[in-house]
Amino acid sequence: MINIRDDLSDLTPYGAPQIDVPVRLNTNENPYPPSPRVVRAVADAVAEVAGTLNRYPDRDAVELRKDLADYLGHGLTAGHVWAANGSNEIIQQLLQAFGGPGRLALGFDPGYSMHPLVARVTCTGWVSAARDEDFGLDPERAVAVIKEHRPHLVFLTSPNNPTGTAASMALIEAVCAAAPGLVVIDEAYAEFAREGTPSALTLLPRYPQLVVTRTMSKAFALAGARVGYLAAAPEVVEKLLVVRLPYHLSAVTQAVARAALALAAEPLATVTSLRKERDGLVAWLRQRGLSVADSDANFVLFGEFGSRRSVWQGLLDRGVLVREVGPPRWLRVTVGRPEEMVAFRIALEEVLAL
């Protein structure tokens, strides 16, 4: 029998249940597919590179990184940006380069469950610190735990997954000032944040150890393309080249991402609709006496249930799939199209009535 590493023997593969039901609201995908114009642009871009697939792609994806820098703004250049196959690969590369045996990473729970998982797979120690009861995080408490453990990497998700709460700039600045190593702000859902919510990108010039990760899976509706990226000081990006696999980002992936970025206004137009739908959902859930975390993402965490599994199963029995994740008495629902949210409301009311 071939055995897995002893330190991984108790792990199970990460992933939300893949169940074929009429309404799937469990993986925080953008429910709106790419527009016909984006589809045509993507198809044309792939057709253009198809004749060159006998050659390896640009292993450093320079043109894509230029486009991503232009999209982010804030005076960033290609040298400040790195791209990979989804933000999870970005996280993995950061831990490969700056974590590893004898090194420590720290995060705040409830938080994104892939952070500690990838830390473990890369043989990086992990410290889990608790968030406040309202899922926020007091800057003084965050600084205290950082000073206690002196981690090589600090992970802070904003808006947070699975709660949806955004971190204040005061918190991010306090963490950056206290951390002895990298500070990774995971902004996978940044585009969905409420108006006036600042991005950690504004702090990059002041904190050379700051890294801001993003994805094209959510706001850009490109979950199937697998494109994640980060912005950081060029010195950080250069060190990631040591751990990236050769030609890790295919020519097709680069072409798809660049085509979507060239028409960014079209997929981003769906963000406004999803924000409005989210805010309406938060109000509706609260009107029914449920606890709801403030959300700046495209999902909502709601509870508290004596048996969340019973509620989850009741929704599933009615053709609606949500996510059983996060704090024990809570569930997370992705914001879908209006008709999907109607189905969710009807199903939840029936379950609550029981």
Protein backbone atom coordinates (compact mmCIF):
# COMPACT_ATOMS: atom_id res chain seq x y z
CA MET A 1 0.00 0.00 0.00
CA ILE A 2 1.28 3.46 -0.90
CA ASN A 3 0.77 5.85 2.02
CA ILE A 4 0.40 9.60 1.94
CA ARG A 5 2.65 11.74 4.13
CA ASP A 6 1.91 11.12 7.79
CA ASP A 7 1.11 14.78 8.42
CA LEU A 8 -1.56 14.73 5.68
CA SER A 9 -3.15 11.36 6.48
CA ASP A 10 -6.17 12.86 8.26
CA LEU A 11 -7.04 15.38 5.54
CA THR A 12 -9.89 15.13 3.06
CA PRO A 13 -9.96 16.91 -0.33
CA TYR A 14 -11.15 20.51 -0.21
CA GLY A 15 -14.31 21.41 -2.07
CA ALA A 16 -17.98 22.24 -1.81
CA PRO A 17 -20.50 19.47 -2.57
CA GLN A 18 -21.15 19.17 -6.30
CA ILE A 19 -24.85 18.33 -6.40
CA ASP A 20 -27.01 18.78 -9.47
CA VAL A 21 -30.01 20.80 -8.27
CA PRO A 22 -32.05 23.59 -9.90
CA VAL A 23 -30.60 26.36 -7.70
CA ARG A 24 -26.91 26.19 -6.77
CA LEU A 25 -25.92 28.94 -4.36
CA ASN A 26 -22.92 27.38 -2.61
CA THR A 27 -19.68 28.32 -4.36
CA ASN A 28 -19.83 32.12 -4.70
CA GLU A 29 -19.74 32.07 -8.47
CA ASN A 30 -21.04 34.99 -10.49
CA PRO A 31 -24.48 33.76 -11.62
CA TYR A 32 -24.32 35.81 -14.82
CA PRO A 33 -22.34 34.20 -17.64
CA PRO A 34 -19.99 36.26 -19.81
CA SER A 35 -21.82 38.54 -22.20
CA PRO A 36 -22.05 37.58 -25.88
CA ARG A 37 -19.46 40.26 -26.67
CA VAL A 38 -17.02 38.84 -24.11
CA VAL A 39 -17.69 35.30 -25.38
CA ARG A 40 -16.82 36.38 -28.92
CA ALA A 41 -13.69 38.20 -27.75
CA VAL A 42 -12.56 35.16 -25.78
CA ALA A 43 -13.23 32.83 -28.72
CA ASP A 44 -11.29 35.09 -31.08
CA ALA A 45 -8.38 35.35 -28.63
CA VAL A 46 -8.19 31.59 -28.21
CA ALA A 47 -8.40 31.06 -31.96
CA GLU A 48 -5.50 33.45 -32.41
CA VAL A 49 -3.22 31.51 -30.06
CA ALA A 50 -4.43 28.07 -31.20
CA GLY A 51 -1.97 28.06 -34.08
CA THR A 52 0.93 28.58 -31.67
CA LEU A 53 0.12 25.88 -29.13
CA ASN A 54 3.13 23.85 -30.28
CA ARG A 55 5.20 26.48 -28.49
CA TYR A 56 5.38 27.17 -24.77
CA PRO A 57 3.59 30.33 -23.57
CA ASP A 58 5.28 33.38 -22.11
CA ARG A 59 6.35 31.81 -18.84
CA ASP A 60 6.12 35.13 -16.98
CA ALA A 61 2.82 36.27 -18.57
CA VAL A 62 4.20 39.78 -18.99
CA GLU A 63 1.44 41.20 -21.21
CA LEU A 64 -1.28 39.80 -18.94
CA ARG A 65 0.46 41.31 -15.93
CA LYS A 66 0.54 44.69 -17.71
CA ASP A 67 -3.20 44.45 -18.33
CA LEU A 68 -3.88 43.47 -14.71
CA ALA A 69 -1.76 46.39 -13.48
CA ASP A 70 -3.74 48.78 -15.69
CA TYR A 71 -6.99 47.37 -14.31
CA LEU A 72 -5.89 47.78 -10.70
CA GLY A 73 -4.49 51.29 -11.17
CA HIS A 74 -2.77 52.88 -8.15
CA GLY A 75 0.36 53.43 -10.25
CA LEU A 76 1.09 49.70 -10.47
CA THR A 77 3.17 48.20 -13.27
CA ALA A 78 3.69 44.66 -14.53
CA GLY A 79 6.58 44.36 -12.10
CA HIS A 80 4.15 44.76 -9.19
CA VAL A 81 1.79 42.02 -10.40
CA TRP A 82 1.95 38.25 -10.58
CA ALA A 83 -0.64 35.85 -12.02
CA ALA A 84 -1.38 32.15 -11.60
CA ASN A 85 -4.09 29.52 -11.95
CA GLY A 86 -6.57 30.97 -9.51
CA SER A 87 -5.86 32.82 -6.29
CA ASN A 88 -5.39 29.48 -4.52
CA GLU A 89 -2.24 28.88 -6.57
CA ILE A 90 -1.14 32.41 -5.66
CA ILE A 91 -1.59 31.50 -1.98
CA GLN A 92 0.34 28.29 -2.49
CA GLN A 93 3.24 30.07 -4.18
CA LEU A 94 3.41 32.63 -1.37
CA LEU A 95 3.62 29.87 1.23
CA GLN A 96 6.16 27.93 -0.83
CA ALA A 97 8.39 30.97 -1.12
CA PHE A 98 7.97 32.59 2.29
CA GLY A 99 6.66 29.76 4.47
CA GLY A 100 7.82 26.16 4.77
CA PRO A 101 9.43 24.06 7.50
CA GLY A 102 10.27 26.02 10.62
CA ARG A 103 8.16 28.98 9.52
CA LEU A 104 4.79 30.17 10.76
CA ALA A 105 1.66 31.66 9.18
CA LEU A 106 -1.25 33.23 11.07
CA GLY A 107 -4.90 33.81 10.20
CA PHE A 108 -8.14 34.83 11.86
CA ASP A 109 -11.16 32.53 12.22
CA PRO A 110 -13.70 32.25 10.85
CA GLY A 111 -11.69 32.78 7.69
CA TYR A 112 -10.94 31.24 4.32
CA SER A 113 -10.37 27.53 4.96
CA MET A 114 -7.80 27.17 2.16
CA HIS A 115 -5.27 29.33 4.00
CA PRO A 116 -4.52 26.81 6.79
CA LEU A 117 -4.89 23.89 4.39
CA VAL A 118 -2.26 25.19 1.97
CA ALA A 119 -0.05 26.15 4.92
CA ARG A 120 -0.16 22.55 6.10
CA VAL A 121 0.52 21.11 2.65
CA THR A 122 3.58 23.38 2.33
CA CYS A 123 4.82 22.32 5.78
CA THR A 124 4.20 25.77 7.22
CA GLY A 125 3.07 26.06 10.83
CA TRP A 126 -0.35 27.65 11.32
CA VAL A 127 -1.73 29.78 14.15
CA SER A 128 -5.47 30.42 14.22
CA ALA A 129 -6.63 33.52 16.12
CA ALA A 130 -10.30 34.22 16.81
CA ARG A 131 -12.28 37.09 15.32
CA ASP A 132 -14.67 39.12 17.46
CA GLU A 133 -18.18 37.82 18.11
CA ASP A 134 -19.55 40.03 15.30
CA PHE A 135 -16.87 38.58 12.98
CA GLY A 136 -14.94 41.85 12.97
CA LEU A 137 -11.44 42.16 14.37
CA ASP A 138 -10.19 44.67 16.90
CA PRO A 139 -6.83 46.10 15.74
CA GLU A 140 -5.33 45.93 19.23
CA ARG A 141 -6.20 42.24 19.55
CA ALA A 142 -4.78 41.51 16.10
CA VAL A 143 -1.54 43.30 16.95
CA ALA A 144 -1.26 41.46 20.27
CA VAL A 145 -1.50 38.02 18.66
CA ILE A 146 0.98 39.00 15.95
CA LYS A 147 3.49 40.20 18.54
CA GLU A 148 2.98 37.00 20.52
CA HIS A 149 3.64 34.59 17.62
CA ARG A 150 5.87 36.64 15.27
CA PRO A 151 4.60 34.86 12.12
CA HIS A 152 6.39 34.93 8.78
CA LEU A 153 3.05 35.48 7.02
CA VAL A 154 -0.25 36.98 8.19
CA PHE A 155 -3.41 36.23 6.20
CA LEU A 156 -6.35 38.61 6.42
CA THR A 157 -9.33 38.22 4.08
CA SER A 158 -11.31 41.34 3.18
CA PRO A 159 -14.17 41.00 2.46
CA ASN A 160 -13.88 37.96 4.64
CA ASN A 161 -14.93 34.48 3.55
CA PRO A 162 -17.24 33.04 4.89
CA THR A 163 -18.62 36.04 6.79
CA GLY A 164 -18.54 38.76 4.11
CA THR A 165 -17.21 41.39 6.50
CA ALA A 166 -14.66 43.89 5.19
CA ALA A 167 -11.59 44.89 7.19
CA SER A 168 -11.14 48.53 8.12
CA MET A 169 -8.08 50.40 6.91
CA ALA A 170 -7.17 50.98 10.55
CA LEU A 171 -7.01 47.21 11.06
CA ILE A 172 -4.96 46.58 7.92
CA GLU A 173 -2.51 49.35 8.78
CA ALA A 174 -2.13 48.07 12.35
CA VAL A 175 -1.42 44.56 11.08
CA CYS A 176 1.11 45.84 8.55
CA ALA A 177 2.89 47.91 11.18
CA ALA A 178 3.10 45.00 13.61
CA ALA A 179 3.88 42.08 11.31
CA PRO A 180 7.53 41.01 11.04
CA GLY A 181 6.94 39.29 7.69
CA LEU A 182 4.50 39.34 4.78
CA VAL A 183 0.93 40.55 5.23
CA VAL A 184 -1.39 38.94 2.68
CA ILE A 185 -4.73 40.70 2.21
CA ASP A 186 -7.01 38.35 0.31
CA GLU A 187 -9.36 40.60 -1.70
CA ALA A 188 -11.08 37.94 -3.82
CA TYR A 189 -14.43 39.72 -3.35
CA ALA A 190 -13.19 43.32 -3.39
CA GLU A 191 -15.29 44.40 -6.37
CA PHE A 192 -18.49 43.58 -4.47
CA ALA A 193 -17.68 45.81 -1.49
CA ARG A 194 -20.09 48.60 -0.69
CA GLU A 195 -19.32 52.05 -2.08
CA GLY A 196 -16.59 53.81 -0.15
CA THR A 197 -14.89 50.62 1.08
CA PRO A 198 -11.15 51.19 0.47
CA SER A 199 -8.78 48.58 -0.90
CA ALA A 200 -5.48 47.60 0.68
CA LEU A 201 -3.94 48.48 -2.71
CA THR A 202 -3.75 52.08 -1.48
CA LEU A 203 -1.25 50.99 1.19
CA LEU A 204 1.25 49.24 -1.08
CA PRO A 205 3.63 52.22 -1.38
CA ARG A 206 3.89 52.46 2.43
CA TYR A 207 4.33 48.80 3.31
CA PRO A 208 6.82 46.83 1.16
CA GLN A 209 5.85 43.56 2.89
CA LEU A 210 2.16 43.95 1.90
CA VAL A 211 0.63 41.59 -0.68
CA VAL A 212 -2.91 42.01 -2.07
CA THR A 213 -4.41 38.97 -3.80
CA ARG A 214 -7.31 39.09 -6.24
CA THR A 215 -9.18 36.77 -8.62
CA MET A 216 -11.03 36.94 -11.92
CA SER A 217 -13.34 34.11 -10.83
CA LYS A 218 -15.96 36.24 -9.09
CA ALA A 219 -16.61 39.74 -10.43
CA PHE A 220 -15.26 38.84 -13.89
CA ALA A 221 -17.39 35.65 -14.06
CA LEU A 222 -14.34 33.61 -15.07
CA ALA A 223 -14.37 30.88 -12.44
CA GLY A 224 -13.86 28.31 -15.19
CA ALA A 225 -10.79 30.08 -16.55
CA ARG A 226 -8.82 29.88 -13.28
CA VAL A 227 -7.03 33.22 -13.10
CA GLY A 228 -5.77 34.70 -9.85
CA TYR A 229 -3.24 37.42 -9.28
CA LEU A 230 -1.53 39.58 -6.70
CA ALA A 231 -0.07 43.04 -6.35
CA ALA A 232 3.05 43.57 -4.26
CA ALA A 233 6.47 45.17 -4.28
CA PRO A 234 8.57 44.00 -7.26
CA GLU A 235 11.01 42.39 -4.83
CA VAL A 236 8.24 40.09 -3.61
CA VAL A 237 7.16 39.22 -7.15
CA GLU A 238 10.74 38.39 -8.14
CA LYS A 239 11.04 35.86 -5.32
CA LEU A 240 7.90 34.06 -6.49
CA LEU A 241 9.65 33.21 -9.76
CA VAL A 242 11.77 30.76 -7.76
CA VAL A 243 8.77 28.57 -6.88
CA ARG A 244 6.52 28.97 -9.91
CA LEU A 245 6.44 25.96 -12.19
CA PRO A 246 7.79 26.53 -15.71
CA TYR A 247 5.07 27.79 -18.06
CA HIS A 248 2.50 27.45 -15.28
CA LEU A 249 -0.04 29.72 -16.99
CA SER A 250 -1.12 28.38 -20.39
CA ALA A 251 -1.31 30.48 -23.54
CA VAL A 252 -5.06 29.84 -23.62
CA THR A 253 -5.54 31.03 -20.04
CA GLN A 254 -3.53 34.18 -20.71
CA ALA A 255 -5.51 34.92 -23.87
CA VAL A 256 -8.88 34.42 -22.13
CA ALA A 257 -7.91 36.69 -19.24
CA ARG A 258 -6.63 39.45 -21.50
CA ALA A 259 -9.76 39.35 -23.64
CA ALA A 260 -11.96 39.70 -20.56
CA LEU A 261 -9.86 42.53 -19.14
CA ALA A 262 -10.16 44.44 -22.41
CA LEU A 263 -13.95 44.42 -21.91
CA ALA A 264 -13.90 44.73 -18.12
CA ALA A 265 -16.89 47.07 -17.99
CA GLU A 266 -19.23 44.32 -19.21
CA PRO A 267 -18.67 41.66 -16.53
CA LEU A 268 -18.27 44.33 -13.85
CA ALA A 269 -21.73 45.67 -14.74
CA THR A 270 -23.18 42.58 -13.05
CA VAL A 271 -21.55 43.61 -9.77
CA THR A 272 -24.03 46.46 -9.28
CA SER A 273 -26.97 44.09 -9.68
CA LEU A 274 -25.47 41.57 -7.28
CA ARG A 275 -24.77 44.23 -4.66
CA LYS A 276 -28.39 45.36 -4.78
CA GLU A 277 -29.65 41.77 -4.59
CA ARG A 278 -27.31 41.09 -1.64
CA ASP A 279 -28.46 44.10 0.35
CA GLY A 280 -32.08 43.16 -0.23
CA LEU A 281 -31.37 39.61 0.91
CA VAL A 282 -29.68 40.81 4.11
CA ALA A 283 -32.73 42.93 4.95
CA TRP A 284 -35.16 40.10 4.14
CA LEU A 285 -33.31 37.59 6.33
CA ARG A 286 -33.20 40.02 9.25
CA GLN A 287 -36.91 40.69 8.91
CA ARG A 288 -37.42 36.99 9.56
CA GLY A 289 -35.56 37.20 12.85
CA LEU A 290 -32.36 35.61 11.62
CA SER A 291 -28.88 36.75 12.49
CA VAL A 292 -27.00 38.02 9.44
CA ALA A 293 -23.38 39.12 9.12
CA ASP A 294 -22.81 42.45 7.36
CA SER A 295 -21.65 41.56 3.86
CA ASP A 296 -19.40 43.30 1.36
CA ALA A 297 -19.18 40.16 -0.78
CA ASN A 298 -21.45 38.29 -3.18
CA PHE A 299 -22.66 35.97 -0.42
CA VAL A 300 -24.41 36.23 2.94
CA LEU A 301 -23.76 34.32 6.18
CA PHE A 302 -26.95 33.76 8.14
CA GLY A 303 -28.10 31.83 11.25
CA GLU A 304 -28.23 30.93 14.03
CA PHE A 305 -29.72 27.44 13.88
CA GLY A 306 -29.98 24.70 16.43
CA SER A 307 -29.18 22.27 13.63
CA ARG A 308 -27.81 23.93 10.53
CA ARG A 309 -27.55 20.51 8.89
CA SER A 310 -31.34 20.14 9.12
CA VAL A 311 -31.84 23.56 7.50
CA TRP A 312 -29.24 22.79 4.83
CA GLN A 313 -30.90 19.46 4.05
CA GLY A 314 -34.36 21.04 4.04
CA LEU A 315 -33.23 23.56 1.44
CA LEU A 316 -31.57 20.84 -0.60
CA ASP A 317 -34.75 18.76 -0.53
CA ARG A 318 -36.44 21.77 -2.13
CA GLY A 319 -33.84 22.06 -4.89
CA VAL A 320 -31.69 24.80 -3.33
CA LEU A 321 -28.03 24.16 -2.48
CA VAL A 322 -26.27 26.49 -0.03
CA ARG A 323 -22.96 26.05 1.83
CA GLU A 324 -22.59 24.46 5.24
CA VAL A 325 -19.43 26.31 6.22
CA GLY A 326 -18.09 28.67 8.84
CA PRO A 327 -19.35 28.95 12.42
CA PRO A 328 -21.27 25.85 13.56
CA ARG A 329 -24.77 27.40 13.66
CA TRP A 330 -24.56 29.39 10.44
CA LEU A 331 -25.05 28.81 6.71
CA ARG A 332 -23.72 30.74 3.71
CA VAL A 333 -25.73 31.53 0.61
CA THR A 334 -24.31 32.92 -2.62
CA VAL A 335 -26.22 35.79 -4.20
CA GLY A 336 -27.77 34.54 -7.42
CA ARG A 337 -30.07 35.88 -10.12
CA PRO A 338 -33.43 37.32 -8.96
CA GLU A 339 -35.34 34.15 -9.85
CA GLU A 340 -32.84 32.05 -7.90
CA MET A 341 -33.21 34.26 -4.85
CA VAL A 342 -37.00 33.95 -5.07
CA ALA A 343 -36.60 30.16 -5.02
CA PHE A 344 -34.25 30.44 -2.04
CA ARG A 345 -36.66 32.64 -0.10
CA ILE A 346 -39.61 30.31 -0.75
CA ALA A 347 -37.59 27.25 0.27
CA LEU A 348 -36.19 28.87 3.40
CA GLU A 349 -39.61 30.06 4.56
CA GLU A 350 -40.94 26.53 4.18
CA VAL A 351 -38.03 25.11 6.15
CA LEU A 352 -38.32 27.71 8.90
CA ALA A 353 -42.04 27.03 9.19
CA LEU A 354 -41.23 23.46 10.17
